[in-house]
C-alpha atoms as a PDB file:
ATOM      1  CA  MET A   1     -51.774  18.163 -84.320  1.00  0.00           C
ATOM      2  CA  HIS A   2     -48.130  17.241 -84.296  1.00  0.00           C
ATOM      3  CA  LEU A   3     -46.056  16.584 -81.223  1.00  0.00           C
ATOM      4  CA  GLU A   4     -43.796  19.675 -81.850  1.00  0.00           C
ATOM      5  CA  GLU A   5     -47.031  21.851 -82.316  1.00  0.00           C
ATOM      6  CA  LYS A   6     -48.544  20.664 -79.032  1.00  0.00           C
ATOM      7  CA  GLU A   7     -45.347  21.190 -77.031  1.00  0.00           C
ATOM      8  CA  ASN A   8     -44.959  24.647 -78.418  1.00  0.00           C
ATOM      9  CA  ILE A   9     -48.494  25.453 -77.300  1.00  0.00           C
ATOM     10  CA  GLU A  10     -47.663  24.304 -73.849  1.00  0.00           C
ATOM     11  CA  ILE A  11     -44.404  26.376 -73.861  1.00  0.00           C
ATOM     12  CA  SER A  12     -45.864  29.739 -75.191  1.00  0.00           C
ATOM     13  CA  TYR A  13     -48.863  29.472 -72.832  1.00  0.00           C
ATOM     14  CA  TRP A  14     -46.784  30.514 -69.995  1.00  0.00           C
ATOM     15  CA  ARG A  15     -45.165  33.268 -71.919  1.00  0.00           C
ATOM     16  CA  ASP A  16     -48.377  34.853 -73.284  1.00  0.00           C
ATOM     17  CA  SER A  17     -50.932  34.242 -70.500  1.00  0.00           C
ATOM     18  CA  PRO A  18     -52.457  37.486 -69.305  1.00  0.00           C
ATOM     19  CA  THR A  19     -52.622  36.125 -65.852  1.00  0.00           C
ATOM     20  CA  GLU A  20     -49.856  33.692 -65.530  1.00  0.00           C
ATOM     21  CA  SER A  21     -46.835  35.094 -67.592  1.00  0.00           C
ATOM     22  CA  PRO A  22     -43.441  35.736 -65.855  1.00  0.00           C
ATOM     23  CA  GLU A  23     -43.852  39.541 -66.049  1.00  0.00           C
ATOM     24  CA  LYS A  24     -47.205  39.346 -63.805  1.00  0.00           C
ATOM     25  CA  PHE A  25     -48.364  37.714 -60.666  1.00  0.00           C
ATOM     26  CA  THR A  26     -52.212  38.324 -60.559  1.00  0.00           C
ATOM     27  CA  LYS A  27     -54.571  38.048 -57.659  1.00  0.00           C
ATOM     28  CA  GLY A  28     -56.733  35.791 -60.001  1.00  0.00           C
ATOM     29  CA  ASN A  29     -53.629  33.468 -60.442  1.00  0.00           C
ATOM     30  CA  LEU A  30     -53.199  33.307 -56.633  1.00  0.00           C
ATOM     31  CA  MET A  31     -56.757  32.694 -55.832  1.00  0.00           C
ATOM     32  CA  ASN A  32     -57.013  29.953 -58.493  1.00  0.00           C
ATOM     33  CA  LYS A  33     -53.963  28.006 -57.285  1.00  0.00           C
ATOM     34  CA  MET A  34     -55.039  28.314 -53.711  1.00  0.00           C
ATOM     35  CA  GLN A  35     -58.313  26.676 -54.551  1.00  0.00           C
ATOM     36  CA  GLU A  36     -56.373  23.869 -56.201  1.00  0.00           C
ATOM     37  CA  CYS A  37     -54.253  23.692 -52.968  1.00  0.00           C
ATOM     38  CA  ARG A  38     -57.397  22.369 -51.230  1.00  0.00           C
ATOM     39  CA  GLN A  39     -57.581  19.457 -53.677  1.00  0.00           C
ATOM     40  CA  PHE A  40     -53.874  19.023 -53.646  1.00  0.00           C
ATOM     41  CA  ASP A  41     -53.929  18.872 -49.934  1.00  0.00           C
ATOM     42  CA  TYR A  42     -56.445  16.237 -49.852  1.00  0.00           C
ATOM     43  CA  LYS A  43     -54.358  14.029 -52.110  1.00  0.00           C
ATOM     44  CA  LEU A  44     -51.363  14.551 -50.053  1.00  0.00           C
ATOM     45  CA  ARG A  45     -53.196  13.550 -46.898  1.00  0.00           C
ATOM     46  CA  LYS A  46     -54.592  10.478 -48.760  1.00  0.00           C
ATOM     47  CA  PHE A  47     -51.207   9.299 -49.662  1.00  0.00           C
ATOM     48  CA  ARG A  48     -49.415  10.446 -46.600  1.00  0.00           C
ATOM     49  CA  SER A  49     -47.848   7.064 -45.761  1.00  0.00           C
ATOM     50  CA  LEU A  50     -46.349   6.865 -49.324  1.00  0.00           C
ATOM     51  CA  ILE A  51     -44.885  10.453 -49.084  1.00  0.00           C
ATOM     52  CA  LYS A  52     -43.501  10.023 -45.613  1.00  0.00           C
ATOM     53  CA  GLY A  53     -39.712   9.723 -45.334  1.00  0.00           C
ATOM     54  CA  ARG A  54     -39.152  10.730 -49.129  1.00  0.00           C
ATOM     55  CA  ALA A  55     -35.947  12.876 -49.255  1.00  0.00           C
ATOM     56  CA  HIS A  56     -35.413  13.612 -52.973  1.00  0.00           C
ATOM     57  CA  ILE A  57     -38.569  14.459 -54.882  1.00  0.00           C
ATOM     58  CA  LEU A  58     -39.086  15.432 -58.466  1.00  0.00           C
ATOM     59  CA  GLU A  59     -42.172  17.315 -59.748  1.00  0.00           C
ATOM     60  CA  LEU A  60     -42.929  16.821 -63.477  1.00  0.00           C
ATOM     61  CA  GLY A  61     -45.111  19.210 -65.417  1.00  0.00           C
ATOM     62  CA  ALA A  62     -44.992  21.644 -62.310  1.00  0.00           C
ATOM     63  CA  GLY A  63     -46.128  24.787 -64.149  1.00  0.00           C
ATOM     64  CA  GLN A  64     -44.950  27.548 -61.893  1.00  0.00           C
ATOM     65  CA  GLY A  65     -44.029  25.116 -59.035  1.00  0.00           C
ATOM     66  CA  TRP A  66     -46.556  25.913 -56.503  1.00  0.00           C
ATOM     67  CA  ALA A  67     -47.443  22.319 -55.599  1.00  0.00           C
ATOM     68  CA  SER A  68     -43.813  21.436 -54.658  1.00  0.00           C
ATOM     69  CA  CYS A  69     -43.485  24.615 -52.538  1.00  0.00           C
ATOM     70  CA  PHE A  70     -46.995  23.724 -50.752  1.00  0.00           C
ATOM     71  CA  MET A  71     -45.563  20.026 -50.094  1.00  0.00           C
ATOM     72  CA  LYS A  72     -42.181  21.311 -48.972  1.00  0.00           C
ATOM     73  CA  LYS A  73     -43.740  23.779 -46.668  1.00  0.00           C
ATOM     74  CA  PHE A  74     -46.448  21.548 -44.959  1.00  0.00           C
ATOM     75  CA  TYR A  75     -45.386  17.906 -45.627  1.00  0.00           C
ATOM     76  CA  ARG A  76     -41.578  17.475 -46.499  1.00  0.00           C
ATOM     77  CA  PRO A  77     -39.869  20.390 -45.100  1.00  0.00           C
ATOM     78  CA  SER A  78     -36.484  18.603 -45.022  1.00  0.00           C
ATOM     79  CA  ALA A  79     -36.744  17.033 -48.504  1.00  0.00           C
ATOM     80  CA  HIS A  80     -34.897  18.161 -51.562  1.00  0.00           C
ATOM     81  CA  PHE A  81     -37.244  19.322 -54.424  1.00  0.00           C
ATOM     82  CA  THR A  82     -36.522  19.481 -58.039  1.00  0.00           C
ATOM     83  CA  VAL A  83     -39.203  21.274 -60.120  1.00  0.00           C
ATOM     84  CA  THR A  84     -39.486  20.751 -63.909  1.00  0.00           C
ATOM     85  CA  ASP A  85     -41.738  21.954 -66.616  1.00  0.00           C
ATOM     86  CA  ILE A  86     -41.682  21.995 -70.451  1.00  0.00           C
ATOM     87  CA  SER A  87     -41.894  25.801 -70.403  1.00  0.00           C
ATOM     88  CA  PRO A  88     -38.992  28.038 -69.176  1.00  0.00           C
ATOM     89  CA  PHE A  89     -41.394  30.807 -68.847  1.00  0.00           C
ATOM     90  CA  ALA A  90     -43.459  28.780 -66.272  1.00  0.00           C
ATOM     91  CA  ILE A  91     -40.229  28.133 -64.402  1.00  0.00           C
ATOM     92  CA  GLU A  92     -39.303  31.826 -64.282  1.00  0.00           C
ATOM     93  CA  SER A  93     -42.371  32.312 -61.899  1.00  0.00           C
ATOM     94  CA  LEU A  94     -41.294  29.748 -59.428  1.00  0.00           C
ATOM     95  CA  PRO A  95     -39.641  32.539 -57.044  1.00  0.00           C
ATOM     96  CA  ASN A  96     -43.076  34.041 -56.498  1.00  0.00           C
ATOM     97  CA  TRP A  97     -44.394  30.629 -54.935  1.00  0.00           C
ATOM     98  CA  GLU A  98     -41.078  30.248 -53.088  1.00  0.00           C
ATOM     99  CA  LYS A  99     -41.711  33.647 -51.524  1.00  0.00           C
ATOM    100  CA  ILE A 100     -45.337  33.044 -50.715  1.00  0.00           C
ATOM    101  CA  PHE A 101     -44.604  29.667 -48.946  1.00  0.00           C
ATOM    102  CA  ASP A 102     -41.253  30.787 -47.536  1.00  0.00           C
ATOM    103  CA  VAL A 103     -39.316  27.738 -49.060  1.00  0.00           C
ATOM    104  CA  LYS A 104     -36.481  27.185 -51.495  1.00  0.00           C
ATOM    105  CA  MET A 105     -36.417  24.521 -54.163  1.00  0.00           C
ATOM    106  CA  THR A 106     -33.150  22.608 -54.614  1.00  0.00           C
ATOM    107  CA  ASN A 107     -33.346  22.701 -58.371  1.00  0.00           C
ATOM    108  CA  ALA A 108     -35.629  23.954 -61.206  1.00  0.00           C
ATOM    109  CA  LEU A 109     -35.316  23.228 -64.897  1.00  0.00           C
ATOM    110  CA  ALA A 110     -37.245  23.534 -68.108  1.00  0.00           C
ATOM    111  CA  CYS A 111     -37.426  20.195 -69.857  1.00  0.00           C
ATOM    112  CA  LYS A 112     -39.662  17.629 -71.393  1.00  0.00           C
ATOM    113  CA  SER A 113     -41.306  15.048 -68.961  1.00  0.00           C
ATOM    114  CA  TYR A 114     -39.698  12.256 -71.293  1.00  0.00           C
ATOM    115  CA  ASP A 115     -36.232  13.855 -71.250  1.00  0.00           C
ATOM    116  CA  VAL A 116     -35.109  15.006 -67.825  1.00  0.00           C
ATOM    117  CA  PRO A 117     -31.373  15.837 -67.977  1.00  0.00           C
ATOM    118  CA  LEU A 118     -30.649  14.325 -64.604  1.00  0.00           C
ATOM    119  CA  ARG A 119     -28.680  11.193 -63.485  1.00  0.00           C
ATOM    120  CA  ASP A 120     -30.277   7.665 -63.053  1.00  0.00           C
ATOM    121  CA  ALA A 121     -31.600   6.764 -59.545  1.00  0.00           C
ATOM    122  CA  SER A 122     -31.858  10.445 -58.428  1.00  0.00           C
ATOM    123  CA  PHE A 123     -35.249  10.329 -56.610  1.00  0.00           C
ATOM    124  CA  ASP A 124     -37.203   8.393 -54.217  1.00  0.00           C
ATOM    125  CA  MET A 125     -40.383  10.009 -55.366  1.00  0.00           C
ATOM    126  CA  ILE A 126     -41.644  11.555 -58.463  1.00  0.00           C
ATOM    127  CA  PHE A 127     -45.135  13.298 -58.883  1.00  0.00           C
ATOM    128  CA  CYS A 128     -47.220  15.344 -60.844  1.00  0.00           C
ATOM    129  CA  TYR A 129     -50.657  17.088 -60.051  1.00  0.00           C
ATOM    130  CA  ALA A 130     -53.292  17.300 -62.805  1.00  0.00           C
ATOM    131  CA  ALA A 131     -50.470  17.282 -65.366  1.00  0.00           C
ATOM    132  CA  ALA A 132     -49.959  13.825 -66.770  1.00  0.00           C
ATOM    133  CA  HIS A 133     -52.897  14.308 -69.115  1.00  0.00           C
ATOM    134  CA  HIS A 134     -50.867  16.959 -70.766  1.00  0.00           C
ATOM    135  CA  PHE A 135     -47.752  14.725 -71.324  1.00  0.00           C
ATOM    136  CA  ILE A 136     -48.079  13.737 -75.046  1.00  0.00           C
ATOM    137  CA  LYS A 137     -45.637  10.922 -74.796  1.00  0.00           C
ATOM    138  CA  ILE A 138     -46.943   8.883 -71.669  1.00  0.00           C
ATOM    139  CA  LYS A 139     -45.103   5.870 -72.204  1.00  0.00           C
ATOM    140  CA  GLU A 140     -41.674   7.536 -72.705  1.00  0.00           C
ATOM    141  CA  THR A 141     -42.452   9.691 -69.663  1.00  0.00           C
ATOM    142  CA  LEU A 142     -43.031   6.499 -67.591  1.00  0.00           C
ATOM    143  CA  GLU A 143     -39.793   5.111 -68.855  1.00  0.00           C
ATOM    144  CA  GLU A 144     -37.945   8.275 -67.883  1.00  0.00           C
ATOM    145  CA  CYS A 145     -39.501   8.112 -64.480  1.00  0.00           C
ATOM    146  CA  LYS A 146     -38.436   4.509 -64.043  1.00  0.00           C
ATOM    147  CA  ARG A 147     -34.860   5.547 -64.965  1.00  0.00           C
ATOM    148  CA  LEU A 148     -34.813   8.425 -62.554  1.00  0.00           C
ATOM    149  CA  LEU A 149     -36.222   6.318 -59.575  1.00  0.00           C
ATOM    150  CA  LYS A 150     -34.218   4.641 -56.879  1.00  0.00           C
ATOM    151  CA  GLU A 151     -35.009   1.048 -56.365  1.00  0.00           C
ATOM    152  CA  ASP A 152     -37.667   1.796 -53.558  1.00  0.00           C
ATOM    153  CA  GLY A 153     -38.957   4.879 -55.360  1.00  0.00           C
ATOM    154  CA  ILE A 154     -42.578   5.701 -56.164  1.00  0.00           C
ATOM    155  CA  VAL A 155     -44.370   7.648 -58.887  1.00  0.00           C
ATOM    156  CA  LEU A 156     -47.696   9.489 -57.987  1.00  0.00           C
ATOM    157  CA  PHE A 157     -49.900  11.024 -60.885  1.00  0.00           C
ATOM    158  CA  LEU A 158     -52.412  12.830 -58.893  1.00  0.00           C
ATOM    159  CA  TYR A 159     -55.971  14.001 -59.948  1.00  0.00           C
ATOM    160  CA  GLU A 160     -55.871  12.849 -63.502  1.00  0.00           C
ATOM    161  CA  PRO A 161     -59.071  12.667 -65.778  1.00  0.00           C
ATOM    162  CA  THR A 162     -59.687   8.931 -66.714  1.00  0.00           C
ATOM    163  CA  ALA A 163     -62.091   6.991 -68.842  1.00  0.00           C
ATOM    164  CA  SER A 164     -62.561   3.548 -70.353  1.00  0.00           C
ATOM    165  CA  SER A 165     -61.728   2.883 -73.937  1.00  0.00           C
ATOM    166  CA  LEU A 166     -65.640   3.091 -74.592  1.00  0.00           C
ATOM    167  CA  PHE A 167     -66.085   6.435 -73.112  1.00  0.00           C
ATOM    168  CA  TYR A 168     -62.749   7.941 -74.071  1.00  0.00           C
ATOM    169  CA  PRO A 169     -63.993   9.859 -77.073  1.00  0.00           C
ATOM    170  CA  LEU A 170     -66.724  11.375 -75.229  1.00  0.00           C
ATOM    171  CA  HIS A 171     -64.579  12.550 -72.280  1.00  0.00           C
ATOM    172  CA  TYR A 172     -61.765  13.634 -74.620  1.00  0.00           C
ATOM    173  CA  LYS A 173     -64.217  15.991 -76.407  1.00  0.00           C
ATOM    174  CA  TYR A 174     -65.428  17.300 -73.138  1.00  0.00           C
ATOM    175  CA  VAL A 175     -62.082  18.303 -71.796  1.00  0.00           C
ATOM    176  CA  ASN A 176     -61.122  19.845 -74.868  1.00  0.00           C
ATOM    177  CA  THR A 177     -64.177  22.038 -75.110  1.00  0.00           C
ATOM    178  CA  ALA A 178     -63.645  23.449 -71.641  1.00  0.00           C
ATOM    179  CA  PRO A 179     -62.293  27.018 -71.412  1.00  0.00           C
ATOM    180  CA  HIS A 180     -58.565  26.466 -71.729  1.00  0.00           C
ATOM    181  CA  VAL A 181     -55.753  26.958 -74.208  1.00  0.00           C
ATOM    182  CA  THR A 182     -53.444  24.041 -73.973  1.00  0.00           C
ATOM    183  CA  PRO A 183     -54.416  20.636 -75.594  1.00  0.00           C
ATOM    184  CA  GLU A 184     -55.403  18.058 -73.038  1.00  0.00           C
ATOM    185  CA  ASP A 185     -55.890  14.140 -73.156  1.00  0.00           C
ATOM    186  CA  VAL A 186     -57.710  11.614 -71.055  1.00  0.00           C
ATOM    187  CA  LEU A 187     -55.832   8.674 -69.446  1.00  0.00           C
ATOM    188  CA  VAL A 188     -57.386   5.125 -70.282  1.00  0.00           C
ATOM    189  CA  PRO A 189     -56.453   2.904 -67.198  1.00  0.00           C
ATOM    190  CA  GLY A 190     -56.481  -0.226 -69.321  1.00  0.00           C
ATOM    191  CA  LYS A 191     -53.669   1.316 -71.661  1.00  0.00           C
ATOM    192  CA  ILE A 192     -51.760   2.600 -68.746  1.00  0.00           C
ATOM    193  CA  GLN A 193     -51.618  -0.978 -67.149  1.00  0.00           C
ATOM    194  CA  LYS A 194     -50.434  -2.268 -70.626  1.00  0.00           C
ATOM    195  CA  ILE A 195     -47.541   0.238 -70.619  1.00  0.00           C
ATOM    196  CA  ALA A 196     -46.627  -0.447 -67.093  1.00  0.00           C
ATOM    197  CA  ASN A 197     -46.470  -4.150 -67.674  1.00  0.00           C
ATOM    198  CA  GLU A 198     -44.193  -3.479 -70.930  1.00  0.00           C
ATOM    199  CA  ILE A 199     -41.769  -1.319 -69.005  1.00  0.00           C
ATOM    200  CA  GLY A 200     -41.498  -3.062 -65.595  1.00  0.00           C
ATOM    201  CA  LEU A 201     -43.540  -0.974 -63.331  1.00  0.00           C
ATOM    202  CA  GLU A 202     -46.337  -2.123 -60.817  1.00  0.00           C
ATOM    203  CA  TYR A 203     -49.361  -0.027 -61.395  1.00  0.00           C
ATOM    204  CA  VAL A 204     -52.388   0.804 -59.211  1.00  0.00           C
ATOM    205  CA  ASN A 205     -55.167   3.019 -60.298  1.00  0.00           C
ATOM    206  CA  HIS A 206     -56.987   4.614 -57.487  1.00  0.00           C
ATOM    207  CA  PHE A 207     -60.484   5.886 -58.880  1.00  0.00           C
ATOM    208  CA  ASP A 208     -61.268   8.906 -56.729  1.00  0.00           C
ATOM    209  CA  PRO A 209     -64.096  11.185 -57.812  1.00  0.00           C
ATOM    210  CA  HIS A 210     -63.801  13.235 -54.533  1.00  0.00           C
ATOM    211  CA  GLN A 211     -63.848  16.978 -55.002  1.00  0.00           C
ATOM    212  CA  GLU A 212     -62.615  19.796 -52.815  1.00  0.00           C
ATOM    213  CA  ILE A 213     -62.741  22.384 -55.673  1.00  0.00           C
ATOM    214  CA  ASN A 214     -66.030  24.124 -56.493  1.00  0.00           C
ATOM    215  CA  ARG A 215     -67.226  22.987 -59.868  1.00  0.00           C
ATOM    216  CA  SER A 216     -70.282  23.541 -61.718  1.00  0.00           C
ATOM    217  CA  LEU A 217     -73.290  22.171 -60.236  1.00  0.00           C
ATOM    218  CA  PHE A 218     -73.712  19.421 -62.853  1.00  0.00           C
ATOM    219  CA  THR A 219     -70.043  18.414 -62.314  1.00  0.00           C
ATOM    220  CA  MET A 220     -70.515  18.237 -58.408  1.00  0.00           C
ATOM    221  CA  LEU A 221     -73.708  16.144 -58.881  1.00  0.00           C
ATOM    222  CA  TYR A 222     -72.074  13.838 -61.315  1.00  0.00           C
ATOM    223  CA  PHE A 223     -68.890  13.076 -59.007  1.00  0.00           C
ATOM    224  CA  LYS A 224     -71.331  12.445 -56.117  1.00  0.00           C
ATOM    225  CA  VAL A 225     -72.990   9.792 -58.110  1.00  0.00           C
ATOM    226  CA  LEU A 226     -69.781   8.154 -59.022  1.00  0.00           C
ATOM    227  CA  LYS A 227     -68.599   8.306 -55.431  1.00  0.00           C
ATOM    228  CA  VAL A 228     -71.884   6.478 -54.213  1.00  0.00           C
ATOM    229  CA  MET A 229     -71.663   4.068 -57.131  1.00  0.00           C
ATOM    230  CA  PRO A 230     -68.007   3.085 -57.445  1.00  0.00           C
ATOM    231  CA  PHE A 231     -68.668   0.376 -59.879  1.00  0.00           C
ATOM    232  CA  LEU A 232     -69.344   3.090 -62.547  1.00  0.00           C
ATOM    233  CA  GLN A 233     -65.941   4.652 -62.095  1.00  0.00           C
ATOM    234  CA  ARG A 234     -64.223   1.923 -64.029  1.00  0.00           C
ATOM    235  CA  LEU A 235     -66.367   2.550 -67.147  1.00  0.00           C
ATOM    236  CA  LEU A 236     -67.538   6.355 -67.018  1.00  0.00           C
ATOM    237  CA  PRO A 237     -65.377   9.344 -67.064  1.00  0.00           C
ATOM    238  CA  SER A 238     -63.878   9.727 -63.596  1.00  0.00           C
ATOM    239  CA  SER A 239     -60.919  11.065 -61.798  1.00  0.00           C
ATOM    240  CA  SER A 240     -57.962   8.855 -60.677  1.00  0.00           C
ATOM    241  CA  ASP A 241     -54.636   8.906 -58.844  1.00  0.00           C
ATOM    242  CA  LEU A 242     -52.189   6.608 -60.535  1.00  0.00           C
ATOM    243  CA  VAL A 243     -49.437   5.000 -58.536  1.00  0.00           C
ATOM    244  CA  PHE A 244     -46.219   3.251 -60.049  1.00  0.00           C
ATOM    245  CA  LYS A 245     -43.484   1.487 -58.507  1.00  0.00           C
ATOM    246  CA  PRO A 246     -40.513  -0.521 -60.071  1.00  0.00           C
ATOM    247  CA  THR A 247     -41.074  -4.087 -60.350  1.00  0.00           C
ATOM    248  CA  VAL A 248     -39.054  -6.076 -57.876  1.00  0.00           C
END
């Protein structure tokens, strides 16, 4: 599947979805995102020390922007948030979440993760939640993040599916046979490390199979095994939080 075709699928999903299109705001969508909020809140508490004091925050691959609204409401109420997604139809639904959380985003725009039309050094934090594995051009996205970051800035890719190169084909097949519409990928930490070295970013992968979301019984048991046997997380399919900082 070509780049343009994949991007068009991501764009049109938010236009055509029976539960998440701009014309609809369904109970199912609300309940699904509130469940995701539990996992996202766990991540924010985990990285609270890195989030503290950040004044200008960019979310990439934000979808409808619920995560930024949640973070502003409960963690960084004084911060300026910019919400971006490849689909303008996703961004159209942002006001629903602003209303729910009683917040207002500073800026919202539809753009690609690797081509954000904003000036250099605009942000002291860039994040995405369960979205980086949708970014088709991951190296170019990280280069764009570096351009947009201030010198003391930080990038957080939270709750991402990861696997070693050995188990990448298996995990890739699994995530793309799940019931979803948009194409998904799996991040390989070794490849991410190589990209970070090439473009001048410090990189730390925090393997974290902790789950606050109710998954299938098999999935819950699998992640419990990974949690008590952390040495397996570097080899087998797992979940990770990726942290990047500009090289000093």
